[in-house]
Amino acid sequence: MADKDERVETETTEPIADEHGDVRRRFVQLWNERTGGDASALAADWQPVATLLEDHASAAAEVADPALLMESGSETPTSHPGAQ
């Protein structure tokens, strides 16, 4: 049985790793479609990627960044550059 620290790490890192994999797959799809000539289709395919990246940046600013600050002992608040 995993101890508490391993469970927390898994609960945190698995969704992040899954999301990163999804972004990579979507970028590969976009790369493969870039020469198709259909700009509206490419723009439509880009929108879910843009939304996913915005959501990821917001979540990092709200959850991960404060946790990292506490872990590092820093008292200086920072924000994620993508979370504006």
N, C-alpha and C. Protein backbone atom coordinates (compact mmCIF):
# COMPACT_ATOMS: atom_id res chain seq x y z
N MET A 1 0.84 -1.19 0.00
CA MET A 1 0.00 0.00 0.00
C MET A 1 0.88 1.25 0.00
N ALA A 2 0.55 2.21 -0.82
CA ALA A 2 1.33 3.43 -0.92
C ALA A 2 1.10 4.31 0.30
N ASP A 3 2.16 4.99 0.71
CA ASP A 3 1.98 5.89 1.84
C ASP A 3 1.33 7.18 1.35
N LYS A 4 0.97 8.06 2.31
CA LYS A 4 0.21 9.27 1.99
C LYS A 4 0.95 10.16 0.98
N ASP A 5 2.27 10.34 1.15
CA ASP A 5 3.02 11.20 0.24
C ASP A 5 2.98 10.68 -1.19
N GLU A 6 3.07 9.36 -1.36
CA GLU A 6 3.01 8.78 -2.71
C GLU A 6 1.63 8.96 -3.33
N ARG A 7 0.58 8.83 -2.52
CA ARG A 7 -0.78 9.01 -3.03
C ARG A 7 -1.00 10.44 -3.49
N VAL A 8 -0.54 11.39 -2.67
CA VAL A 8 -0.71 12.80 -3.03
C VAL A 8 0.05 13.10 -4.32
N GLU A 9 1.28 12.61 -4.43
CA GLU A 9 2.07 12.85 -5.62
C GLU A 9 1.38 12.26 -6.85
N THR A 10 0.86 11.05 -6.72
CA THR A 10 0.17 10.40 -7.84
C THR A 10 -1.10 11.16 -8.21
N GLU A 11 -1.87 11.57 -7.21
CA GLU A 11 -3.11 12.31 -7.49
C GLU A 11 -2.82 13.63 -8.16
N THR A 12 -1.66 14.18 -7.90
CA THR A 12 -1.29 15.46 -8.50
C THR A 12 -0.62 15.27 -9.85
N THR A 13 0.31 14.35 -9.93
CA THR A 13 1.13 14.24 -11.14
C THR A 13 0.46 13.49 -12.28
N GLU A 14 -0.36 12.49 -11.99
CA GLU A 14 -0.99 11.73 -13.08
C GLU A 14 -1.88 12.60 -13.96
N PRO A 15 -2.77 13.41 -13.39
CA PRO A 15 -3.59 14.25 -14.27
C PRO A 15 -2.75 15.25 -15.07
N ILE A 16 -1.68 15.76 -14.46
CA ILE A 16 -0.81 16.70 -15.17
C ILE A 16 -0.12 15.99 -16.33
N ALA A 17 0.42 14.80 -16.07
CA ALA A 17 1.08 14.04 -17.13
C ALA A 17 0.11 13.69 -18.24
N ASP A 18 -1.11 13.32 -17.89
CA ASP A 18 -2.13 13.02 -18.91
C ASP A 18 -2.44 14.25 -19.76
N GLU A 19 -2.56 15.40 -19.09
CA GLU A 19 -2.86 16.63 -19.81
C GLU A 19 -1.71 17.01 -20.74
N HIS A 20 -0.48 16.85 -20.27
CA HIS A 20 0.67 17.15 -21.12
C HIS A 20 0.70 16.23 -22.35
N GLY A 21 0.36 14.96 -22.15
CA GLY A 21 0.28 14.03 -23.27
C GLY A 21 -0.78 14.45 -24.27
N ASP A 22 -1.92 14.91 -23.76
CA ASP A 22 -3.00 15.37 -24.63
C ASP A 22 -2.55 16.58 -25.44
N VAL A 23 -1.87 17.52 -24.81
CA VAL A 23 -1.39 18.70 -25.53
C VAL A 23 -0.40 18.29 -26.61
N ARG A 24 0.51 17.39 -26.28
CA ARG A 24 1.48 16.92 -27.29
C ARG A 24 0.78 16.30 -28.49
N ARG A 25 -0.20 15.43 -28.22
CA ARG A 25 -0.94 14.79 -29.32
C ARG A 25 -1.65 15.83 -30.18
N ARG A 26 -2.24 16.81 -29.53
CA ARG A 26 -2.96 17.85 -30.29
C ARG A 26 -2.01 18.69 -31.14
N PHE A 27 -0.82 18.98 -30.61
CA PHE A 27 0.15 19.72 -31.40
C PHE A 27 0.63 18.91 -32.59
N VAL A 28 0.79 17.62 -32.43
CA VAL A 28 1.16 16.76 -33.56
C VAL A 28 0.06 16.81 -34.62
N GLN A 29 -1.20 16.74 -34.20
CA GLN A 29 -2.30 16.83 -35.15
C GLN A 29 -2.28 18.16 -35.89
N LEU A 30 -2.07 19.24 -35.14
CA LEU A 30 -2.00 20.56 -35.78
C LEU A 30 -0.84 20.63 -36.77
N TRP A 31 0.30 20.09 -36.36
CA TRP A 31 1.48 20.10 -37.25
C TRP A 31 1.17 19.35 -38.54
N ASN A 32 0.50 18.22 -38.42
CA ASN A 32 0.18 17.41 -39.59
C ASN A 32 -0.86 18.07 -40.49
N GLU A 33 -1.69 18.93 -39.93
CA GLU A 33 -2.74 19.60 -40.70
C GLU A 33 -2.30 20.93 -41.28
N ARG A 34 -1.12 21.41 -40.93
CA ARG A 34 -0.70 22.76 -41.32
C ARG A 34 -0.61 22.97 -42.82
N THR A 35 -0.37 21.91 -43.57
CA THR A 35 -0.22 22.07 -45.02
C THR A 35 -1.51 21.75 -45.78
N GLY A 36 -2.59 21.51 -45.07
CA GLY A 36 -3.85 21.15 -45.72
C GLY A 36 -4.50 22.30 -46.46
N GLY A 37 -4.14 23.54 -46.12
CA GLY A 37 -4.69 24.69 -46.83
C GLY A 37 -6.02 25.18 -46.32
N ASP A 38 -6.62 24.49 -45.38
CA ASP A 38 -7.92 24.91 -44.86
C ASP A 38 -7.70 25.65 -43.54
N ALA A 39 -7.58 26.98 -43.64
CA ALA A 39 -7.27 27.80 -42.47
C ALA A 39 -8.39 27.74 -41.44
N SER A 40 -9.64 27.67 -41.87
CA SER A 40 -10.74 27.63 -40.89
C SER A 40 -10.74 26.32 -40.12
N ALA A 41 -10.40 25.22 -40.78
CA ALA A 41 -10.32 23.94 -40.09
C ALA A 41 -9.17 23.94 -39.10
N LEU A 42 -8.05 24.52 -39.50
CA LEU A 42 -6.90 24.60 -38.61
C LEU A 42 -7.22 25.47 -37.40
N ALA A 43 -7.88 26.59 -37.62
CA ALA A 43 -8.28 27.46 -36.51
C ALA A 43 -9.23 26.74 -35.56
N ALA A 44 -10.15 25.97 -36.12
CA ALA A 44 -11.09 25.21 -35.29
C ALA A 44 -10.37 24.14 -34.48
N ASP A 45 -9.35 23.52 -35.08
CA ASP A 45 -8.57 22.52 -34.36
C ASP A 45 -7.68 23.16 -33.30
N TRP A 46 -7.28 24.41 -33.51
CA TRP A 46 -6.42 25.10 -32.56
C TRP A 46 -7.20 25.49 -31.30
N GLN A 47 -8.47 25.83 -31.42
CA GLN A 47 -9.22 26.37 -30.29
C GLN A 47 -9.22 25.46 -29.06
N PRO A 48 -9.44 24.14 -29.19
CA PRO A 48 -9.38 23.29 -27.99
C PRO A 48 -7.99 23.27 -27.34
N VAL A 49 -6.95 23.39 -28.15
CA VAL A 49 -5.58 23.42 -27.61
C VAL A 49 -5.39 24.72 -26.83
N ALA A 50 -5.83 25.83 -27.40
CA ALA A 50 -5.70 27.12 -26.72
C ALA A 50 -6.46 27.11 -25.40
N THR A 51 -7.65 26.57 -25.39
CA THR A 51 -8.44 26.49 -24.17
C THR A 51 -7.76 25.62 -23.13
N LEU A 52 -7.24 24.47 -23.56
CA LEU A 52 -6.54 23.57 -22.65
C LEU A 52 -5.32 24.25 -22.04
N LEU A 53 -4.56 24.98 -22.84
CA LEU A 53 -3.38 25.68 -22.33
C LEU A 53 -3.77 26.79 -21.35
N GLU A 54 -4.82 27.52 -21.64
CA GLU A 54 -5.29 28.57 -20.73
C GLU A 54 -5.75 27.97 -19.40
N ASP A 55 -6.51 26.88 -19.48
CA ASP A 55 -6.98 26.21 -18.26
C ASP A 55 -5.81 25.69 -17.44
N HIS A 56 -4.82 25.14 -18.12
CA HIS A 56 -3.64 24.60 -17.44
C HIS A 56 -2.87 25.71 -16.73
N ALA A 57 -2.70 26.83 -17.41
CA ALA A 57 -1.98 27.96 -16.81
C ALA A 57 -2.73 28.51 -15.60
N SER A 58 -4.05 28.59 -15.71
CA SER A 58 -4.86 29.08 -14.59
C SER A 58 -4.77 28.14 -13.40
N ALA A 59 -4.85 26.85 -13.67
CA ALA A 59 -4.76 25.86 -12.58
C ALA A 59 -3.39 25.91 -11.92
N ALA A 60 -2.35 26.08 -12.72
CA ALA A 60 -1.01 26.17 -12.15
C ALA A 60 -0.89 27.39 -11.25
N ALA A 61 -1.46 28.50 -11.68
CA ALA A 61 -1.39 29.72 -10.88
C ALA A 61 -2.18 29.59 -9.58
N GLU A 62 -3.30 28.89 -9.62
CA GLU A 62 -4.16 28.76 -8.44
C GLU A 62 -3.72 27.66 -7.49
N VAL A 63 -3.17 26.57 -8.01
CA VAL A 63 -2.89 25.40 -7.18
C VAL A 63 -1.39 25.13 -7.04
N ALA A 64 -0.73 24.95 -8.15
CA ALA A 64 0.66 24.50 -8.11
C ALA A 64 1.60 25.60 -7.63
N ASP A 65 1.46 26.81 -8.12
CA ASP A 65 2.39 27.87 -7.74
C ASP A 65 2.37 28.14 -6.24
N PRO A 66 1.20 28.30 -5.60
CA PRO A 66 1.21 28.50 -4.16
C PRO A 66 1.82 27.33 -3.39
N ALA A 67 1.56 26.11 -3.85
CA ALA A 67 2.13 24.94 -3.19
C ALA A 67 3.65 24.94 -3.32
N LEU A 68 4.15 25.30 -4.49
CA LEU A 68 5.59 25.36 -4.69
C LEU A 68 6.22 26.46 -3.84
N LEU A 69 5.53 27.58 -3.71
CA LEU A 69 6.03 28.66 -2.86
C LEU A 69 6.14 28.21 -1.41
N MET A 70 5.10 27.53 -0.92
CA MET A 70 5.13 27.04 0.46
C MET A 70 6.26 26.03 0.64
N GLU A 71 6.43 25.16 -0.34
CA GLU A 71 7.47 24.14 -0.25
C GLU A 71 8.86 24.76 -0.25
N SER A 72 9.04 25.82 -1.03
CA SER A 72 10.36 26.45 -1.11
C SER A 72 10.62 27.40 0.04
N GLY A 73 9.57 27.75 0.78
CA GLY A 73 9.72 28.68 1.89
C GLY A 73 9.73 30.13 1.46
N SER A 74 9.46 30.39 0.21
CA SER A 74 9.44 31.75 -0.31
C SER A 74 8.18 32.46 0.16
N GLU A 75 8.33 33.72 0.49
CA GLU A 75 7.17 34.51 0.90
C GLU A 75 6.75 35.46 -0.21
N THR A 76 7.46 35.46 -1.30
CA THR A 76 7.16 36.37 -2.40
C THR A 76 6.13 35.74 -3.32
N PRO A 77 4.93 36.32 -3.40
CA PRO A 77 3.94 35.76 -4.31
C PRO A 77 4.32 36.02 -5.76
N THR A 78 4.09 35.03 -6.56
CA THR A 78 4.31 35.17 -7.99
C THR A 78 3.08 34.64 -8.70
N SER A 79 2.94 34.98 -9.94
CA SER A 79 1.84 34.42 -10.72
C SER A 79 2.42 33.78 -11.96
N HIS A 80 1.67 32.87 -12.49
CA HIS A 80 2.05 32.18 -13.72
C HIS A 80 1.91 33.15 -14.86
N PRO A 81 2.92 33.25 -15.74
CA PRO A 81 2.85 34.23 -16.82
C PRO A 81 1.64 34.06 -17.73
N GLY A 82 1.12 32.84 -17.86
CA GLY A 82 -0.02 32.61 -18.74
C GLY A 82 -1.35 32.88 -18.07
N ALA A 83 -1.37 33.07 -16.77
CA ALA A 83 -2.63 33.27 -16.05
C ALA A 83 -2.87 34.74 -15.82
N GLN A 84 -3.30 35.43 -16.82
CA GLN A 84 -3.56 36.87 -16.73
C GLN A 84 -5.03 37.12 -16.74
